[in-house]
Amino acid sequence: MISTPRFDSLTAGGTDGVFDGIRLADGHVLTLNTQPGAAVAEEVFLYPGLTVPDTEAWENQDDLEDFLTGGGLRGGLTYLDVPIEAVRELIVQHGGEHENQEPPAPDSETDAETDAEAEGDKPVLDLFAVADLRGRFADGYSADGIRSVFGRIYDEGGPYLVCVWEYADAYGFGGSSQFYAEDEDGAFFEVQPDIHQWLSGQQEKPGPVDGWICAPATGPTEFPVSDDFHNYARADRAGGERVTTKQLFTVEGTTYGPYEALPVSDGWSTYSPISVTRATAEQIAEDLNVRDAGCGLTAEWTGEDLVFTWGEPFADMEDERIAPDADGRYLIGGLWPWIEVQTERTE
């Protein structure tokens, strides 16, 4: 008799409201979302290539979810309210569970990119590629953080997530906020709360990407303020008096940021410093250490100071120590070329 120890463990203890996966003996993968001891799994997601028998147990395919996400994760499908025993039978039909239950990943980055290009779409998000984003919002988030994190998710192939703030004023976005997904036509959709729980560190991982987008958003979705980089506001408190309150920068040749900074002077050049908040400086340091690891430069906080340290092959170069100015801002420059990507301006 074929045993299913991992499946038995997940169904007995539940999956805490998120998807957890099982690799089958023949290499196929499925994930499920289920409550402890339940007779029915709330959701079962089948990775591409895994099919189900034409039975009543598998008749409830989540057509809306698959439609909103373009047919699921690289062709996978979602089923709702599937009897636990039907899932077990499917596992047994494929030889039981694989001895290696490590989370699945694409065979290679090029395989994933090639498949996506063949379909005319951008690559689909691999959650393992953004695993380091867990807990990024543990201490809250700013418009800068939203731009960086949501921009990263989108660049890696995820949906275009946005944050809708209560208001925007001369100092930026503020007040209460809510996450949505936006499609190419400008329509907004609700998203699963486990995205926020994952980014805030309350949850180890979100559910499969194909389950992130929910029903169309209700209520007004015409927002008077947008930075065109994942942030919107329901109200503009600037009163038409704001003239260039911020500028957005990225590192030349990358998709990092964009980072919000104070306006620069007319004589500014790409290697000149930009003035950023502590939160933005932390984001710059994080992107350098994680996304550009191995470039020969690292960043580390020493008290209130941000220290940039050169490694091989630039070990003979002096460290760069940046202390906050009187306003608590950091002037970062001379280490790489900055490129301005947008200026927000209200005349």
Protein backbone atom coordinates (compact mmCIF):
# COMPACT_ATOMS: atom_id res chain seq x y z
CA MET A 1 0.00 0.00 0.00
CA ILE A 2 1.34 3.43 -0.95
CA SER A 3 1.70 5.82 2.00
CA THR A 4 1.27 9.60 1.86
CA PRO A 5 3.03 10.94 4.98
CA ARG A 6 3.40 14.57 3.89
CA PHE A 7 -0.18 14.77 2.68
CA ASP A 8 -1.37 13.17 5.93
CA SER A 9 0.59 15.73 7.92
CA LEU A 10 -0.81 18.69 5.97
CA THR A 11 -4.40 17.51 6.19
CA ALA A 12 -4.15 16.73 9.90
CA GLY A 13 -2.57 20.03 10.89
CA GLY A 14 -3.93 22.30 8.16
CA THR A 15 -1.94 24.81 6.11
CA ASP A 16 -2.72 27.98 8.11
CA GLY A 17 -4.78 29.52 5.35
CA VAL A 18 -2.02 29.35 2.72
CA PHE A 19 -0.96 26.88 0.06
CA ASP A 20 1.57 24.19 0.89
CA GLY A 21 3.00 21.77 -1.63
CA ILE A 22 3.57 18.10 -2.29
CA ARG A 23 5.95 16.73 -4.90
CA LEU A 24 4.66 13.45 -6.38
CA ALA A 25 6.81 10.42 -7.10
CA ASP A 26 6.75 11.07 -10.86
CA GLY A 27 7.86 14.69 -10.43
CA HIS A 28 4.48 16.43 -10.68
CA VAL A 29 3.55 18.97 -8.02
CA LEU A 30 0.35 20.09 -6.35
CA THR A 31 -0.35 22.53 -3.54
CA LEU A 32 -3.39 22.75 -1.31
CA ASN A 33 -5.04 25.06 1.19
CA THR A 34 -6.94 23.15 3.86
CA GLN A 35 -8.15 23.38 7.46
CA PRO A 36 -7.02 20.93 10.20
CA GLY A 37 -8.86 17.62 9.93
CA ALA A 38 -11.21 18.86 7.21
CA ALA A 39 -12.90 16.38 4.87
CA VAL A 40 -12.57 18.82 1.97
CA ALA A 41 -9.60 20.91 0.82
CA GLU A 42 -10.64 24.50 0.22
CA GLU A 43 -8.31 24.88 -2.76
CA VAL A 44 -6.02 22.57 -4.71
CA PHE A 45 -3.59 23.97 -7.27
CA LEU A 46 -2.10 21.63 -9.88
CA TYR A 47 1.20 22.61 -11.48
CA PRO A 48 1.38 22.33 -15.29
CA GLY A 49 1.28 18.76 -16.62
CA LEU A 50 -0.71 17.31 -13.74
CA THR A 51 -4.27 16.39 -14.72
CA VAL A 52 -7.23 15.06 -12.77
CA PRO A 53 -9.81 12.36 -13.51
CA ASP A 54 -13.15 13.38 -14.96
CA THR A 55 -15.08 12.85 -11.74
CA GLU A 56 -17.47 14.85 -9.59
CA ALA A 57 -14.75 15.38 -6.99
CA TRP A 58 -12.80 17.57 -9.44
CA GLU A 59 -15.65 19.37 -11.16
CA ASN A 60 -15.33 22.66 -9.31
CA GLN A 61 -12.53 24.36 -11.24
CA ASP A 62 -11.96 27.99 -10.25
CA ASP A 63 -12.61 29.47 -13.68
CA LEU A 64 -12.66 33.08 -12.43
CA GLU A 65 -9.26 32.79 -10.79
CA ASP A 66 -7.73 31.09 -13.79
CA PHE A 67 -9.21 33.71 -16.10
CA LEU A 68 -7.91 36.63 -14.02
CA THR A 69 -4.42 35.12 -13.85
CA GLY A 70 -4.18 34.04 -17.45
CA GLY A 71 -4.64 30.32 -16.89
CA GLY A 72 -2.72 29.96 -13.67
CA LEU A 73 0.98 29.57 -12.94
CA ARG A 74 2.52 28.64 -16.31
CA GLY A 75 -0.64 26.73 -17.22
CA GLY A 76 -1.57 25.31 -13.82
CA LEU A 77 -5.18 25.06 -12.65
CA THR A 78 -7.04 25.67 -9.39
CA TYR A 79 -9.86 23.50 -8.02
CA LEU A 80 -12.17 24.35 -5.12
CA ASP A 81 -13.71 22.16 -2.39
CA VAL A 82 -11.98 18.94 -3.36
CA PRO A 83 -12.56 15.92 -1.08
CA ILE A 84 -9.41 15.00 0.82
CA GLU A 85 -9.70 11.39 -0.27
CA ALA A 86 -9.86 12.44 -3.93
CA VAL A 87 -6.58 14.31 -3.53
CA ARG A 88 -5.05 11.29 -1.82
CA GLU A 89 -6.18 9.03 -4.68
CA LEU A 90 -4.56 11.40 -7.19
CA ILE A 91 -1.26 11.24 -5.29
CA VAL A 92 -1.41 7.43 -5.19
CA GLN A 93 -2.18 7.27 -8.92
CA HIS A 94 1.13 9.05 -9.52
CA GLY A 95 3.13 6.66 -7.39
CA GLY A 96 2.81 8.39 -4.06
CA GLU A 97 5.07 11.11 -2.73
CA HIS A 98 8.58 11.90 -3.94
CA GLU A 99 11.38 11.39 -1.41
CA ASN A 100 12.47 14.98 -2.07
CA GLN A 101 9.86 17.38 -0.77
CA GLU A 102 11.86 20.55 -1.30
CA PRO A 103 9.76 23.32 -2.94
CA PRO A 104 9.81 23.12 -6.74
CA ALA A 105 11.70 25.60 -8.85
CA PRO A 106 12.03 26.03 -12.62
CA ASP A 107 14.70 23.87 -14.27
CA SER A 108 16.54 27.09 -15.05
CA GLU A 109 15.86 30.77 -15.40
CA THR A 110 16.24 30.51 -19.14
CA ASP A 111 13.66 27.73 -19.33
CA ALA A 112 11.11 29.91 -17.59
CA GLU A 113 11.95 32.92 -19.73
CA THR A 114 11.87 30.89 -22.95
CA ASP A 115 8.45 29.42 -22.18
CA ALA A 116 7.08 32.87 -21.39
CA GLU A 117 8.56 34.43 -24.49
CA ALA A 118 7.10 31.66 -26.63
CA GLU A 119 3.66 32.55 -25.27
CA GLY A 120 4.25 36.27 -25.84
CA ASP A 121 4.07 37.06 -22.10
CA LYS A 122 6.56 38.21 -19.52
CA PRO A 123 7.99 35.47 -17.24
CA VAL A 124 5.70 34.26 -14.45
CA LEU A 125 6.75 35.04 -10.90
CA ASP A 126 8.80 32.36 -9.17
CA LEU A 127 8.18 32.81 -5.43
CA PHE A 128 11.63 31.49 -4.65
CA ALA A 129 13.13 34.42 -6.53
CA VAL A 130 11.47 36.89 -4.16
CA ALA A 131 11.67 34.88 -0.94
CA ASP A 132 13.90 37.58 0.57
CA LEU A 133 10.94 40.01 0.52
CA ARG A 134 9.36 38.22 3.49
CA GLY A 135 9.20 40.65 6.41
CA ARG A 136 10.21 43.66 4.29
CA PHE A 137 7.18 45.56 5.68
CA ALA A 138 7.58 44.29 9.26
CA ASP A 139 8.09 47.85 10.52
CA GLY A 140 5.56 49.41 8.19
CA TYR A 141 6.05 50.75 4.69
CA SER A 142 6.37 53.98 2.78
CA ALA A 143 5.69 54.94 -0.81
CA ASP A 144 9.38 54.25 -1.45
CA GLY A 145 9.07 50.76 0.00
CA ILE A 146 5.98 50.08 -2.09
CA ARG A 147 7.76 51.17 -5.26
CA SER A 148 10.76 48.99 -4.54
CA VAL A 149 8.96 45.84 -3.37
CA PHE A 150 6.02 45.92 -5.79
CA GLY A 151 8.38 46.89 -8.59
CA ARG A 152 10.56 43.90 -7.78
CA ILE A 153 7.55 41.55 -7.77
CA TYR A 154 6.39 42.87 -11.13
CA ASP A 155 9.88 42.74 -12.67
CA GLU A 156 10.16 39.10 -11.59
CA GLY A 157 6.93 38.28 -13.43
CA GLY A 158 4.23 38.89 -10.80
CA PRO A 159 1.03 40.92 -11.10
CA TYR A 160 1.15 44.71 -11.02
CA LEU A 161 0.37 45.42 -7.37
CA VAL A 162 -0.51 48.90 -6.17
CA CYS A 163 -1.04 50.63 -2.85
CA VAL A 164 -3.94 53.06 -2.56
CA TRP A 165 -3.30 55.62 0.19
CA GLU A 166 -5.81 57.80 1.98
CA TYR A 167 -4.23 61.02 0.72
CA ALA A 168 -1.19 62.68 -0.81
CA ASP A 169 0.14 66.07 0.23
CA ALA A 170 3.30 68.12 -0.16
CA TYR A 171 5.21 65.52 1.84
CA GLY A 172 4.09 62.49 -0.14
CA PHE A 173 1.58 59.69 0.43
CA GLY A 174 0.01 59.05 3.82
CA GLY A 175 -2.91 57.82 5.89
CA SER A 176 -4.50 54.40 5.77
CA SER A 177 -3.77 52.24 2.75
CA GLN A 178 -4.90 49.14 0.91
CA PHE A 179 -3.30 46.81 -1.64
CA TYR A 180 -4.84 46.03 -5.03
CA ALA A 181 -3.78 44.58 -8.37
CA GLU A 182 -4.11 46.64 -11.54
CA ASP A 183 -4.35 45.21 -15.04
CA GLU A 184 -3.16 46.69 -18.32
CA ASP A 185 -6.53 48.38 -18.88
CA GLY A 186 -6.41 50.18 -15.53
CA ALA A 187 -8.97 47.93 -13.82
CA PHE A 188 -8.41 47.20 -10.13
CA PHE A 189 -8.83 43.89 -8.33
CA GLU A 190 -8.85 42.83 -4.70
CA VAL A 191 -5.86 40.74 -3.63
CA GLN A 192 -5.36 38.01 -1.07
CA PRO A 193 -4.51 39.31 2.44
CA ASP A 194 -1.66 36.81 2.74
CA ILE A 195 0.42 39.07 0.44
CA HIS A 196 0.51 41.70 3.19
CA GLN A 197 0.96 39.05 5.88
CA TRP A 198 3.96 37.62 4.02
CA LEU A 199 5.56 41.01 3.39
CA SER A 200 5.02 41.99 7.02
CA GLY A 201 6.63 38.76 8.23
CA GLN A 202 3.48 37.30 9.81
CA GLN A 203 3.41 34.46 7.29
CA GLU A 204 6.27 32.37 5.94
CA LYS A 205 5.09 32.50 2.34
CA PRO A 206 2.06 33.58 0.31
CA GLY A 207 -0.12 31.21 -1.65
CA PRO A 208 0.62 30.38 -5.30
CA VAL A 209 0.73 33.40 -7.55
CA ASP A 210 -2.33 32.24 -9.43
CA GLY A 211 -4.37 32.77 -6.28
CA TRP A 212 -3.25 36.32 -5.51
CA ILE A 213 -5.87 38.17 -7.55
CA CYS A 214 -9.50 38.11 -6.43
CA ALA A 215 -12.71 39.76 -7.61
CA PRO A 216 -12.87 43.22 -9.20
CA ALA A 217 -12.56 46.01 -6.66
CA THR A 218 -15.77 47.63 -5.48
CA GLY A 219 -16.19 51.33 -4.92
CA PRO A 220 -14.57 54.28 -6.72
CA THR A 221 -11.31 53.51 -8.51
CA GLU A 222 -10.64 56.94 -9.96
CA PHE A 223 -7.71 58.32 -7.94
CA PRO A 224 -6.59 61.96 -8.25
CA VAL A 225 -2.93 61.29 -7.42
CA SER A 226 -0.53 58.69 -8.79
CA ASP A 227 3.24 58.44 -8.98
CA ASP A 228 2.98 55.94 -11.86
CA PHE A 229 5.07 53.55 -9.76
CA HIS A 230 2.55 51.51 -7.73
CA ASN A 231 1.17 54.31 -5.50
CA TYR A 232 -2.21 56.05 -5.68
CA ALA A 233 -4.08 58.38 -3.33
CA ARG A 234 -7.80 58.85 -2.84
CA ALA A 235 -7.44 62.54 -1.97
CA ASP A 236 -5.03 65.32 -2.95
CA ARG A 237 -4.38 67.58 0.03
CA ALA A 238 -1.79 69.70 -1.74
CA GLY A 239 -4.43 72.14 -2.93
CA GLY A 240 -2.66 72.76 -6.22
CA GLU A 241 0.23 74.48 -4.45
CA ARG A 242 2.79 71.72 -4.79
CA VAL A 243 5.65 72.39 -7.22
CA THR A 244 8.19 69.59 -7.56
CA THR A 245 8.10 68.07 -4.07
CA LYS A 246 10.11 65.00 -5.01
CA GLN A 247 12.09 63.28 -7.68
CA LEU A 248 12.52 59.58 -8.32
CA PHE A 249 15.83 57.93 -9.13
CA THR A 250 17.13 54.51 -10.04
CA VAL A 251 20.63 53.12 -10.58
CA GLU A 252 21.61 53.30 -14.25
CA GLY A 253 21.13 49.99 -16.05
CA THR A 254 18.96 48.46 -13.30
CA THR A 255 15.34 48.32 -12.19
CA TYR A 256 16.17 49.12 -8.55
CA GLY A 257 13.87 51.52 -6.75
CA PRO A 258 12.78 53.97 -7.88
CA TYR A 259 13.96 55.89 -4.83
CA GLU A 260 12.32 59.11 -3.71
CA ALA A 261 14.64 62.05 -3.10
CA LEU A 262 14.49 65.81 -2.71
CA PRO A 263 14.71 67.79 -5.95
CA VAL A 264 18.25 68.24 -7.24
CA SER A 265 19.79 71.44 -8.57
CA ASP A 266 20.30 72.31 -12.22
CA GLY A 267 24.03 71.53 -11.93
CA TRP A 268 23.41 68.02 -10.66
CA SER A 269 25.14 65.13 -12.51
CA THR A 270 24.59 61.39 -12.39
CA TYR A 271 27.35 60.81 -9.84
CA SER A 272 26.19 63.65 -7.60
CA PRO A 273 24.45 62.71 -4.34
CA ILE A 274 20.72 62.58 -3.83
CA SER A 275 19.06 63.38 -0.50
CA VAL A 276 16.94 60.53 0.87
CA THR A 277 15.20 59.59 4.11
CA ARG A 278 16.45 56.87 6.47
CA ALA A 279 13.78 54.49 5.12
CA THR A 280 14.93 55.07 1.55
CA ALA A 281 18.58 54.70 2.52
CA GLU A 282 17.70 51.36 4.14
CA GLN A 283 16.03 50.28 0.91
CA ILE A 284 19.07 51.29 -1.14
CA ALA A 285 21.35 49.31 1.20
CA GLU A 286 19.05 46.28 1.06
CA ASP A 287 18.91 46.33 -2.73
CA LEU A 288 22.71 46.61 -2.93
CA ASN A 289 23.35 43.73 -0.51
CA VAL A 290 20.66 41.37 -1.82
CA ARG A 291 19.89 42.16 -5.43
CA ASP A 292 23.41 43.22 -6.41
CA ALA A 293 25.33 40.80 -4.21
CA GLY A 294 28.84 40.14 -5.48
CA CYS A 295 29.24 43.51 -7.18
CA GLY A 296 32.20 44.38 -4.94
CA LEU A 297 30.34 46.86 -2.74
CA THR A 298 28.29 46.24 0.42
CA ALA A 299 26.37 48.47 2.81
CA GLU A 300 26.13 48.24 6.59
CA TRP A 301 24.54 50.37 9.29
CA THR A 302 26.81 51.49 12.12
CA GLY A 303 24.54 53.30 14.52
CA GLU A 304 22.97 56.14 12.56
CA ASP A 305 25.67 56.04 9.88
CA LEU A 306 25.47 54.09 6.63
CA VAL A 307 28.86 52.64 5.65
CA PHE A 308 29.66 51.45 2.13
CA THR A 309 32.58 48.99 2.02
CA TRP A 310 34.50 47.94 -1.07
CA GLY A 311 35.58 44.32 -1.53
CA GLU A 312 37.48 42.49 -4.24
CA PRO A 313 38.53 43.63 -6.76
CA PHE A 314 38.21 47.13 -5.24
CA ALA A 315 39.54 46.41 -1.74
CA ASP A 316 42.10 49.22 -1.97
CA MET A 317 39.33 51.83 -2.16
CA GLU A 318 38.33 53.68 1.01
CA ASP A 319 35.03 53.02 2.75
CA GLU A 320 32.31 55.62 2.35
CA ARG A 321 30.62 56.64 5.63
CA ILE A 322 27.44 58.68 5.35
CA ALA A 323 26.02 60.34 8.45
CA PRO A 324 22.54 61.88 8.56
CA ASP A 325 22.32 65.63 8.11
CA ALA A 326 20.48 68.00 10.42
CA ASP A 327 17.15 66.90 8.93
CA GLY A 328 17.96 63.20 9.33
CA ARG A 329 18.48 62.72 5.58
CA TYR A 330 21.32 60.91 3.82
CA LEU A 331 23.30 62.25 0.86
CA ILE A 332 24.21 59.20 -1.25
CA GLY A 333 26.26 59.62 -4.39
CA GLY A 334 29.58 59.05 -6.13
CA LEU A 335 29.29 55.26 -5.91
CA TRP A 336 27.24 54.58 -9.04
CA PRO A 337 25.40 56.67 -11.65
CA TRP A 338 21.90 57.80 -10.67
CA ILE A 339 19.23 58.21 -13.33
CA GLU A 340 16.14 60.32 -12.78
CA VAL A 341 13.05 58.37 -13.79
CA GLN A 342 10.26 60.77 -12.94
CA THR A 343 9.51 64.10 -11.33
CA GLU A 344 6.12 64.68 -9.74
CA ARG A 345 4.97 68.21 -10.42
CA THR A 346 1.78 70.13 -9.78
CA GLU A 347 1.61 73.61 -11.20
